[in-house]
Protein backbone atom coordinates (compact mmCIF):
# COMPACT_ATOMS: atom_id res chain seq x y z
CA MET A 1 106.46 112.32 109.06
CA LYS A 2 107.66 115.20 111.30
CA ARG A 3 111.47 116.11 111.34
CA VAL A 4 112.86 117.50 114.66
CA SER A 5 116.47 119.18 114.96
CA LEU A 6 119.45 117.00 113.79
CA VAL A 7 120.89 117.14 117.76
CA SER A 8 117.57 115.61 119.22
CA ARG A 9 117.38 112.83 116.43
CA THR A 10 121.16 111.96 117.18
CA VAL A 11 120.30 111.85 120.80
CA GLY A 12 117.62 109.66 120.30
CA ILE A 13 118.56 107.33 117.86
CA ALA A 14 122.08 107.26 120.44
CA ALA A 15 120.01 106.02 123.07
CA ALA A 16 117.08 103.64 121.04
CA VAL A 17 120.31 102.09 119.42
CA SER A 18 122.44 101.97 122.07
CA LEU A 19 119.70 99.26 123.97
CA ALA A 20 119.22 97.59 120.69
CA PHE A 21 122.68 97.04 120.92
CA ALA A 22 123.39 95.76 124.45
CA VAL A 23 120.24 93.16 123.75
CA SER A 24 121.56 92.28 120.44
CA ALA A 25 125.38 91.65 121.73
CA CYS A 26 124.10 90.18 125.19
CA SER A 27 122.05 87.74 122.57
CA SER A 28 124.25 86.94 120.53
CA SER A 29 126.86 85.67 123.08
CA SER A 30 124.16 83.68 124.80
CA GLY A 31 123.59 81.96 121.66
CA GLY A 32 120.40 82.98 121.15
CA GLY A 33 119.84 82.21 117.34
CA GLY A 34 116.29 83.09 115.60
CA GLY A 35 112.78 82.32 116.03
CA GLY A 36 110.21 83.92 118.24
CA GLY A 37 104.37 86.02 116.69
CA SER A 38 100.38 88.24 114.73
CA THR A 39 98.63 90.69 112.45
CA SER A 40 100.37 93.45 111.23
CA ALA A 41 102.92 95.16 112.95
CA ALA A 42 103.59 98.03 115.29
CA ALA A 43 101.86 101.07 113.77
CA THR A 44 101.67 103.17 116.50
CA SER A 45 100.91 107.07 117.25
CA GLY A 46 102.51 109.09 116.43
CA SER A 47 103.48 108.01 113.33
CA SER A 48 101.83 108.71 109.95
CA SER A 49 100.37 106.52 107.18
CA SER A 50 102.10 108.26 104.20
CA ALA A 51 105.53 106.39 103.47
CA PRO A 52 108.87 107.85 104.58
CA ALA A 53 111.32 109.27 101.87
CA SER A 54 111.87 105.90 99.81
CA SER A 55 115.51 104.94 99.58
CA SER A 56 116.76 105.07 96.11
CA SER A 57 119.58 102.74 94.31
CA SER A 58 123.56 102.53 95.23
CA SER A 59 104.50 96.69 128.74
CA SER A 60 103.34 93.97 127.40
CA ALA A 61 105.64 92.23 125.42
CA ALA A 62 104.65 88.54 123.84
CA PRO A 63 104.56 86.03 126.01
CA SER A 64 107.42 83.66 125.93
CA MET A 65 107.68 80.50 123.90
CA SER A 66 110.04 77.91 121.72
CA VAL A 67 110.18 79.09 117.91
CA PRO A 68 112.25 78.05 114.84
CA SER A 69 115.06 79.25 114.46
CA GLY A 70 114.71 78.49 110.70
CA THR A 71 117.26 77.20 108.21
CA GLY A 72 120.19 78.53 106.20
CA ASN A 73 123.39 80.68 107.24
CA ALA A 74 123.36 83.29 109.65
CA ASN A 75 126.55 84.95 109.47
CA LEU A 76 127.55 88.15 107.70
CA PRO A 77 129.37 87.60 104.64
CA ALA A 78 132.85 89.39 104.10
CA GLY A 79 134.21 92.10 101.31
CA GLN A 80 130.61 93.15 98.92
CA PRO A 81 129.96 90.42 97.24
CA GLY A 82 127.34 91.87 96.14
CA LYS A 83 128.93 94.17 93.82
CA GLY A 84 128.12 92.91 90.24
CA LYS A 85 124.76 90.94 90.89
CA PRO A 86 121.68 92.01 89.38
CA ALA A 87 119.35 95.04 91.33
CA ILE A 88 117.37 94.31 93.28
CA VAL A 89 114.04 95.78 94.25
CA MET A 90 112.69 95.77 97.38
CA GLY A 91 109.17 96.96 98.91
CA ASP A 92 107.70 97.65 102.47
CA LYS A 93 104.13 97.85 103.84
CA ASN A 94 101.86 101.06 105.43
CA PHE A 95 102.87 101.48 109.05
CA SER A 96 106.01 102.45 111.17
CA GLU A 97 107.60 98.96 112.04
CA GLU A 98 107.56 98.15 108.23
CA TYR A 99 109.51 101.14 107.28
CA LEU A 100 112.07 99.92 109.83
CA LEU A 101 112.53 96.80 108.14
CA GLY A 102 112.73 98.12 105.06
CA GLU A 103 115.46 100.27 105.66
CA LEU A 104 116.90 97.34 107.89
CA TYR A 105 117.51 95.19 104.87
CA SER A 106 117.84 96.94 102.61
CA GLN A 107 120.92 99.14 103.94
CA ALA A 108 122.85 96.02 104.78
CA LEU A 109 122.64 94.68 101.45
CA ARG A 110 123.86 97.81 100.47
CA ALA A 111 126.82 97.65 102.59
CA LYS A 112 127.53 94.72 101.09
CA GLY A 113 127.72 95.49 98.10
CA PHE A 114 124.17 94.87 96.42
CA THR A 115 121.64 97.47 94.33
CA VAL A 116 118.92 98.11 96.14
CA THR A 117 115.90 100.27 95.48
CA LEU A 118 113.63 99.92 98.03
CA LYS A 119 109.79 101.00 97.36
CA GLY A 120 108.31 101.97 100.84
CA ASN A 121 104.51 102.16 102.10
CA ILE A 122 103.24 100.43 99.17
CA GLY A 123 100.39 99.23 101.29
CA SER A 124 98.56 96.07 103.34
CA SER A 125 99.38 92.93 103.11
CA THR A 126 97.27 91.86 100.58
CA THR A 127 98.52 94.81 98.44
CA ILE A 128 102.04 94.30 98.63
CA ASN A 129 101.77 90.86 98.00
CA ALA A 130 99.87 91.53 94.72
CA ALA A 131 102.88 93.36 93.81
CA LEU A 132 105.45 91.00 94.45
CA GLN A 133 103.63 88.32 92.49
CA SER A 134 103.32 90.87 89.66
CA GLY A 135 106.75 91.52 89.72
CA LYS A 136 106.30 94.80 90.78
CA ILE A 137 109.00 94.36 93.55
CA ASP A 138 111.46 90.94 93.84
CA MET A 139 111.09 91.06 98.00
CA TYR A 140 109.70 92.42 101.32
CA PRO A 141 108.95 91.85 104.89
CA GLU A 142 105.96 89.86 105.89
CA TYR A 143 104.60 88.11 108.65
CA THR A 144 104.38 84.49 109.15
CA GLY A 145 101.10 84.58 110.83
CA VAL A 146 99.65 87.03 108.03
CA ILE A 147 100.66 84.94 105.34
CA ALA A 148 99.45 81.78 106.68
CA THR A 149 95.86 83.37 107.65
CA VAL A 150 95.29 85.95 105.12
CA LEU A 151 97.22 85.54 102.36
CA ALA A 152 97.23 81.52 102.22
CA GLY A 153 93.42 81.77 103.35
CA LEU A 154 94.26 79.51 106.93
CA ALA A 155 90.85 79.10 108.52
CA ASP A 156 92.20 78.24 111.87
CA ASN A 157 95.53 79.80 112.86
CA PRO A 158 98.34 77.32 113.57
CA LYS A 159 99.28 76.15 116.87
CA SER A 160 102.77 77.53 117.14
CA ALA A 161 105.13 79.06 115.66
CA ALA A 162 107.01 76.54 114.03
CA GLN A 163 103.49 75.30 112.21
CA THR A 164 102.80 78.98 111.36
CA LEU A 165 106.60 78.85 109.56
CA SER A 166 106.12 75.85 108.26
CA VAL A 167 102.16 76.90 106.53
CA ALA A 168 103.60 80.02 105.42
CA THR A 169 107.43 78.69 103.93
CA GLN A 170 104.61 76.15 101.67
CA TYR A 171 102.68 78.82 100.60
CA GLU A 172 104.88 80.99 99.34
CA ASN A 173 107.08 78.05 97.98
CA LYS A 174 104.13 77.40 95.86
CA HIS A 175 104.17 80.99 93.87
CA GLY A 176 107.96 80.77 93.30
CA PHE A 177 109.09 82.25 96.37
CA ALA A 178 111.28 81.90 99.70
CA VAL A 179 110.78 82.41 102.65
CA LEU A 180 114.22 83.32 104.80
CA ASN A 181 114.88 83.03 108.64
CA PRO A 182 112.28 84.27 110.48
CA THR A 183 112.97 86.80 113.36
CA PRO A 184 113.35 86.19 117.18
CA PHE A 185 111.22 88.52 117.71
CA GLN A 186 107.44 88.15 117.44
CA ASP A 187 105.10 91.42 116.28
CA ALA A 188 101.54 89.25 117.78
CA ASP A 189 98.15 91.26 117.21
CA GLY A 190 96.13 91.86 120.49
CA LEU A 191 93.76 94.03 122.14
CA ALA A 192 93.76 96.71 124.67
CA THR A 193 92.04 99.31 126.92
CA MET A 194 92.59 102.02 129.13
CA LYS A 195 93.92 100.36 132.42
CA ALA A 196 90.82 102.37 134.25
CA TYR A 197 88.55 100.98 131.89
CA ALA A 198 89.77 97.70 132.70
CA GLN A 199 89.96 97.95 136.36
CA GLN A 200 86.30 99.76 136.72
CA HIS A 201 84.78 95.83 134.35
CA GLY A 202 86.85 93.70 135.81
CA LEU A 203 88.94 92.81 132.43
CA LYS A 204 91.71 90.70 132.22
CA ALA A 205 90.97 88.79 129.34
CA ILE A 206 89.43 89.35 126.18
CA GLY A 207 85.99 87.24 126.82
CA ASP A 208 85.63 89.09 130.02
CA LEU A 209 84.01 91.68 127.32
CA LYS A 210 81.06 90.05 127.72
CA LYS A 211 80.51 92.12 131.46
CA VAL A 212 80.15 95.23 129.59
CA GLY A 213 77.58 94.54 126.81
CA SER A 214 78.41 96.52 123.80
CA PHE A 215 81.69 98.21 123.38
CA THR A 216 83.66 99.67 120.52
CA TYR A 217 86.79 98.48 119.50
CA ALA A 218 88.81 100.66 116.78
CA GLY A 219 91.39 99.22 114.20
CA PRO A 220 92.51 99.61 110.57
CA PRO A 221 90.06 99.03 108.15
CA GLU A 222 91.34 95.56 107.30
CA ASN A 223 90.45 94.08 111.09
CA ALA A 224 86.82 94.22 109.99
CA THR A 225 87.50 90.92 107.93
CA ARG A 226 90.10 89.65 109.60
CA TYR A 227 90.08 86.35 111.96
CA GLN A 228 92.40 88.36 113.82
CA GLY A 229 90.09 91.21 114.14
CA VAL A 230 86.52 91.19 113.99
CA VAL A 231 85.98 87.97 113.04
CA GLY A 232 87.76 86.21 115.40
CA LEU A 233 85.77 88.15 118.29
CA LYS A 234 82.90 87.30 117.21
CA LYS A 235 83.62 83.65 116.33
CA ALA A 236 86.03 82.51 119.25
CA TYR A 237 85.04 85.25 121.64
CA GLY A 238 80.92 85.54 121.00
CA LEU A 239 81.71 89.36 121.26
CA THR A 240 78.76 89.82 118.83
CA GLN A 241 78.06 93.33 121.16
CA VAL A 242 81.59 94.80 119.36
CA GLN A 243 80.71 98.25 117.19
CA PHE A 244 83.85 98.31 115.04
CA LYS A 245 85.52 101.92 114.69
CA PRO A 246 87.87 101.91 111.52
CA VAL A 247 90.89 104.29 111.95
CA PRO A 248 93.86 105.17 109.98
CA ILE A 249 96.94 102.91 111.27
CA GLY A 250 98.55 104.53 113.70
CA SER A 251 95.78 106.71 115.26
CA GLN A 252 94.10 103.98 117.45
CA TYR A 253 96.47 104.86 120.61
CA GLN A 254 94.80 108.56 119.92
CA ALA A 255 91.20 107.44 119.75
CA LEU A 256 91.80 105.23 122.47
CA ASP A 257 93.33 108.61 124.77
CA GLN A 258 90.40 110.55 123.89
CA GLY A 259 87.85 108.17 125.15
CA LYS A 260 86.53 107.62 121.42
CA VAL A 261 86.21 104.32 121.67
CA ASN A 262 86.61 101.39 124.44
CA SER A 263 89.34 99.09 122.97
CA ILE A 264 91.91 98.95 119.98
CA ALA A 265 93.58 96.74 118.41
CA ILE A 266 97.68 96.83 119.07
CA PHE A 267 100.93 95.18 118.19
CA THR A 268 102.92 93.87 121.36
CA THR A 269 105.97 95.93 120.04
CA ASP A 270 104.44 98.88 120.14
CA PRO A 271 106.20 101.16 122.22
CA GLN A 272 103.00 103.53 123.87
CA LEU A 273 102.69 99.86 125.82
CA ALA A 274 105.67 100.54 128.26
CA SER A 275 103.43 103.69 129.50
CA GLY A 276 101.57 101.86 131.59
CA LYS A 277 98.07 103.31 130.70
CA TYR A 278 97.06 100.16 128.80
CA THR A 279 96.33 96.99 129.39
CA VAL A 280 96.54 94.33 127.26
CA LEU A 281 93.36 91.64 127.83
CA THR A 282 95.22 87.82 127.98
CA ASP A 283 93.62 86.45 124.25
CA THR A 284 93.00 82.69 125.62
CA LYS A 285 91.39 81.33 122.59
CA GLY A 286 94.68 82.23 120.44
CA ILE A 287 93.02 83.69 117.56
CA PHE A 288 95.80 86.49 117.44
CA GLY A 289 98.66 83.23 116.49
CA PHE A 290 102.18 83.18 115.91
CA GLN A 291 104.12 86.17 113.94
CA GLN A 292 107.34 86.42 113.13
CA VAL A 293 109.45 88.47 110.52
CA VAL A 294 110.89 86.58 107.29
CA PRO A 295 111.96 88.23 104.08
CA VAL A 296 109.98 86.90 101.55
CA VAL A 297 112.31 86.70 98.38
CA LYS A 298 111.53 85.45 94.66
CA LYS A 299 113.81 81.90 94.49
CA SER A 300 115.21 83.16 90.87
CA LEU A 301 116.71 86.58 92.62
CA LEU A 302 117.91 83.96 95.70
CA ALA A 303 119.37 82.18 92.70
CA LYS A 304 120.92 85.23 91.06
CA GLU A 305 122.35 86.73 93.64
CA GLY A 306 124.53 84.48 95.80
CA PRO A 307 124.55 82.98 99.04
CA ALA A 308 126.00 85.77 100.31
CA PHE A 309 122.29 87.85 99.94
CA GLU A 310 121.01 85.62 101.84
CA GLN A 311 123.62 85.43 104.50
CA THR A 312 122.90 88.95 104.65
CA LEU A 313 119.49 89.14 105.10
CA ASN A 314 119.40 86.49 107.82
CA ALA A 315 122.14 88.05 110.02
CA VAL A 316 120.11 90.79 109.90
CA SER A 317 116.93 89.10 111.52
CA LYS A 318 119.26 87.42 113.86
CA LEU A 319 119.66 91.03 115.39
CA LEU A 320 116.06 91.93 115.62
CA THR A 321 114.68 90.78 119.05
CA THR A 322 111.73 92.33 121.07
CA GLU A 323 113.91 94.65 123.14
CA ALA A 324 115.83 95.96 120.01
CA ILE A 325 112.37 96.45 117.69
CA ILE A 326 110.97 97.86 120.53
CA ALA A 327 114.12 100.26 121.38
CA MET A 328 113.77 101.51 117.47
CA ASN A 329 109.87 101.77 117.15
CA LYS A 330 110.11 103.79 119.96
CA ALA A 331 112.91 106.16 117.95
CA VAL A 332 110.13 106.36 114.95
CA ALA A 333 106.47 106.23 116.34
CA ILE A 334 106.93 108.25 119.11
CA ASP A 335 110.46 110.53 119.11
CA GLN A 336 109.64 111.04 115.23
CA GLN A 337 113.01 109.89 114.06
CA ASP A 338 113.74 109.20 110.14
CA PRO A 339 113.40 105.32 109.71
CA SER A 340 116.31 105.55 107.49
CA ALA A 341 118.37 107.09 110.34
CA VAL A 342 117.44 104.70 113.23
CA ALA A 343 118.26 101.82 110.28
CA LYS A 344 121.73 103.19 109.94
CA ALA A 345 122.61 103.13 114.03
CA PHE A 346 121.29 100.14 114.53
CA LEU A 347 123.43 98.57 111.59
CA GLN A 348 126.25 100.22 112.38
CA ALA A 349 126.73 99.28 116.13
CA ASN A 350 126.20 96.04 115.18
CA HIS A 351 128.83 96.29 112.55
CA ILE A 352 126.59 96.04 109.22
CA SER A 353 127.56 99.08 107.40
């Protein structure tokens, strides 16, 4: 990942944190709790598929909807209750929002005295799930809709955020893992075109793509076989004329900007969407489902670490509103800030440090 000067990096982080803190503080004062979803998450233009340095031990937002607040205590524990507890190995997946999530959760735990090693950029959901189930890692942040459809293999998307969380929890419990509180923000999958292309062809909903005949659609390679990708476009919308173009995760906006494809897979927390250059087509068939982030943790680890461990993770999740995550995603993916530094500044601004 490209680095910038210390001065510009500090200014960029400060701007992102300023917005994120203001939103979080407003949410907390109004009693806003957890809950807020669809596929992987905000991989964005300018981000790299290679991992950031791993930490060592010691325009269209998702539609507003009622979401579950999860279970457990979201209050931040006092002191350093993690001192003397067993070491933890945390993983994260292969895109910029996951790098941020890994840093946010791991740094918060370290601030409370827990010993955490963060293994970044492990891979896709199936890859990191295999690492979890084989014992190579103890926990990682995942999206509820991904657990329900990609990992649990549910044929149809659940009909609500609460049902999605329930399916995800049942799947993980069955395999010896716990699902902690969901975040307020949802990072739903979506499909976008250039605004000019949408206007030219009268596109407002995904089904309108039937008007254009054959069209190209770019996204990460796994979208070729996911219901939230090519499979759903064909089965739910009848878009059999779609031509899929696999691109490295994070490079789809560049492909669209350069006219190499007509449409791309996006995530609703992508900061590029605020530019006004793109049109996100409405998903009238619900193929993208609901996606909140939840820490997935080995049950035996929860018992060993004590209640302060879960409380700390829940406290971080509660802060992650849509506005906060978009601000941090922009700092990392567009402004090219270090995910570790962005996470640190956000946690400090929210008194978790």
